[in-house]
Amino acid sequence: MTAAELIVALVIAVGLVGILVPVLPGSILVVAGILGWAVLVGGPTAWAVFAVATAVVVAGAVVKYVVPGRNLQVAGIPATTQWIGALVGVVGFFVVPVVGLFLGFVLGVYLAELARVGSRQAWPSTVHSLKAVGLSIVIELVAALGATAVWAYGVLAT
């Protein structure tokens, strides 16, 4: 493995961590790392690897929004609840470093559901929303790992 491939592997690893820690643009870093590798290596194999890896990440991004969104729709939780959670999460990120994003999201979803359905159903709705977010993260991670596997195969093939 060359030094350039090690750097690309590091960028991809940071991207994978970025999916789990939603501060970094994880999938974008994975695709950017593979793009950098394709530019350095060149040739039809490298570009085919980049195209397939990008397609895997794009497909994952589509599924990441469709599946949890459908689950939330079935549960009767509106998108506005998620947006309020995201907004309070961003504020929380600046108020309480590191864990503020998560705490703010939970608080925002809970308060939005409290106002919408009352105290009895607010917590179950919040838990359902958290499960949807967790599913979204897992879907994105699986897609990024798939793209990483495509890249690893490409490294062996070139």
Protein backbone atom coordinates (compact mmCIF):
# COMPACT_ATOMS: atom_id res chain seq x y z
CA MET A 1 0.00 0.00 0.00
CA THR A 2 1.39 3.37 -1.01
CA ALA A 3 1.49 6.51 1.10
CA ALA A 4 -1.30 8.02 -0.99
CA GLU A 5 -3.48 4.98 -0.37
CA LEU A 6 -2.80 5.25 3.35
CA ILE A 7 -3.89 8.89 3.32
CA VAL A 8 -7.04 7.95 1.40
CA ALA A 9 -7.71 5.17 3.92
CA LEU A 10 -7.35 7.71 6.72
CA VAL A 11 -9.79 10.11 5.04
CA ILE A 12 -12.25 7.25 4.59
CA ALA A 13 -11.82 6.21 8.24
CA VAL A 14 -12.47 9.78 9.39
CA GLY A 15 -15.57 9.79 7.16
CA LEU A 16 -16.82 6.58 8.74
CA VAL A 17 -16.34 8.05 12.21
CA GLY A 18 -18.10 11.19 10.97
CA ILE A 19 -21.20 9.14 10.27
CA LEU A 20 -21.32 7.96 13.86
CA VAL A 21 -20.39 11.37 15.28
CA PRO A 22 -22.59 13.71 13.26
CA VAL A 23 -20.19 16.63 13.33
CA LEU A 24 -18.24 15.65 10.24
CA PRO A 25 -19.76 15.09 6.79
CA GLY A 26 -19.10 11.34 6.85
CA SER A 27 -20.35 10.09 3.50
CA ILE A 28 -18.94 13.11 1.71
CA LEU A 29 -15.50 12.42 3.18
CA VAL A 30 -15.69 8.77 2.09
CA VAL A 31 -16.59 9.74 -1.48
CA ALA A 32 -13.99 12.54 -1.49
CA GLY A 33 -11.29 10.12 -0.37
CA ILE A 34 -12.21 7.66 -3.11
CA LEU A 35 -12.29 10.50 -5.65
CA GLY A 36 -8.80 11.55 -4.57
CA TRP A 37 -7.61 7.97 -5.03
CA ALA A 38 -9.22 7.76 -8.49
CA VAL A 39 -7.51 10.99 -9.54
CA LEU A 40 -4.12 9.77 -8.28
CA VAL A 41 -4.37 6.27 -9.74
CA GLY A 42 -6.22 7.15 -12.92
CA GLY A 43 -7.38 4.69 -15.51
CA PRO A 44 -10.71 3.05 -16.20
CA THR A 45 -10.60 0.72 -13.19
CA ALA A 46 -10.08 3.55 -10.71
CA TRP A 47 -12.87 5.61 -12.24
CA ALA A 48 -15.21 2.61 -12.32
CA VAL A 49 -14.48 2.04 -8.62
CA PHE A 50 -15.24 5.69 -7.92
CA ALA A 51 -18.51 5.51 -9.91
CA VAL A 52 -19.70 2.35 -8.15
CA ALA A 53 -18.70 3.63 -4.69
CA THR A 54 -20.48 6.93 -5.34
CA ALA A 55 -23.59 5.09 -6.55
CA VAL A 56 -23.60 3.01 -3.36
CA VAL A 57 -23.36 6.14 -1.19
CA VAL A 58 -26.06 7.95 -3.18
CA ALA A 59 -28.38 4.94 -2.94
CA GLY A 60 -27.71 4.83 0.79
CA ALA A 61 -28.54 8.52 1.09
CA VAL A 62 -31.88 8.00 -0.63
CA VAL A 63 -32.75 4.98 1.53
CA LYS A 64 -31.53 6.85 4.62
CA TYR A 65 -34.32 9.39 4.20
CA VAL A 66 -37.07 7.24 2.70
CA VAL A 67 -37.19 4.32 5.16
CA PRO A 68 -37.06 6.22 8.49
CA GLY A 69 -39.33 8.90 7.03
CA ARG A 70 -41.92 6.29 6.11
CA ASN A 71 -41.66 4.77 9.60
CA LEU A 72 -42.29 8.18 11.15
CA GLN A 73 -45.22 8.80 8.83
CA VAL A 74 -46.79 5.47 9.80
CA ALA A 75 -46.33 6.39 13.48
CA GLY A 76 -48.03 9.74 12.83
CA ILE A 77 -45.02 11.88 13.72
CA PRO A 78 -44.83 14.95 11.47
CA ALA A 79 -41.65 16.20 9.82
CA THR A 80 -41.95 19.44 11.78
CA THR A 81 -41.16 17.50 14.95
CA GLN A 82 -37.88 16.32 13.42
CA TRP A 83 -37.04 19.83 12.20
CA ILE A 84 -37.67 21.29 15.66
CA GLY A 85 -35.46 18.56 17.13
CA ALA A 86 -32.72 19.34 14.62
CA LEU A 87 -32.93 23.08 15.32
CA VAL A 88 -32.74 22.63 19.10
CA GLY A 89 -29.93 20.10 18.53
CA VAL A 90 -27.88 22.68 16.64
CA VAL A 91 -28.40 25.18 19.44
CA GLY A 92 -27.50 22.48 21.96
CA PHE A 93 -24.30 21.75 20.07
CA PHE A 94 -23.07 25.27 20.83
CA VAL A 95 -24.41 25.39 24.38
CA VAL A 96 -23.07 22.00 25.54
CA PRO A 97 -20.06 20.91 23.47
CA VAL A 98 -19.95 17.34 22.11
CA VAL A 99 -23.17 15.94 23.65
CA GLY A 100 -25.30 19.04 23.12
CA LEU A 101 -26.35 18.00 19.62
CA PHE A 102 -27.86 14.76 20.88
CA LEU A 103 -29.35 16.28 24.04
CA GLY A 104 -30.79 19.20 22.12
CA PHE A 105 -32.34 16.91 19.52
CA VAL A 106 -34.04 14.78 22.17
CA LEU A 107 -35.25 17.85 24.04
CA GLY A 108 -36.53 19.51 20.85
CA VAL A 109 -38.43 16.42 19.71
CA TYR A 110 -39.88 15.89 23.18
CA LEU A 111 -41.03 19.52 23.47
CA ALA A 112 -42.53 19.48 19.97
CA GLU A 113 -44.40 16.26 20.73
CA LEU A 114 -45.44 17.55 24.15
CA ALA A 115 -47.07 20.55 22.49
CA ARG A 116 -48.61 18.38 19.75
CA VAL A 117 -49.95 15.31 21.59
CA GLY A 118 -49.63 16.03 25.30
CA SER A 119 -47.57 14.52 28.07
CA ARG A 120 -48.87 10.97 27.74
CA GLN A 121 -47.72 10.39 24.17
CA ALA A 122 -44.73 12.75 24.01
CA TRP A 123 -42.13 10.32 25.32
CA PRO A 124 -43.19 7.32 23.16
CA SER A 125 -43.13 9.61 20.11
CA THR A 126 -39.68 10.83 21.10
CA VAL A 127 -38.40 7.27 21.43
CA HIS A 128 -39.85 6.43 18.01
CA SER A 129 -38.10 9.47 16.53
CA LEU A 130 -34.79 8.43 18.10
CA LYS A 131 -35.15 4.95 16.62
CA ALA A 132 -35.72 6.51 13.21
CA VAL A 133 -32.58 8.61 13.57
CA GLY A 134 -30.61 5.54 14.67
CA LEU A 135 -31.89 3.60 11.65
CA SER A 136 -30.85 6.50 9.42
CA ILE A 137 -27.32 6.42 10.84
CA VAL A 138 -27.07 2.65 10.40
CA ILE A 139 -28.23 2.88 6.77
CA GLU A 140 -25.68 5.60 6.00
CA LEU A 141 -22.92 3.64 7.73
CA VAL A 142 -23.72 0.45 5.80
CA ALA A 143 -23.66 2.38 2.51
CA ALA A 144 -20.33 4.02 3.38
CA LEU A 145 -18.87 0.66 4.40
CA GLY A 146 -20.07 -0.75 1.09
CA ALA A 147 -18.30 2.07 -0.75
CA THR A 148 -15.19 1.41 1.34
CA ALA A 149 -15.31 -2.26 0.37
CA VAL A 150 -15.59 -1.29 -3.31
CA TRP A 151 -12.55 0.97 -2.89
CA ALA A 152 -10.57 -1.75 -1.10
CA TYR A 153 -11.32 -4.12 -3.97
CA GLY A 154 -10.24 -1.40 -6.39
CA VAL A 155 -6.95 -0.96 -4.55
CA LEU A 156 -6.28 -4.68 -4.89
CA ALA A 157 -7.28 -4.65 -8.56
CA THR A 158 -4.97 -1.77 -9.53
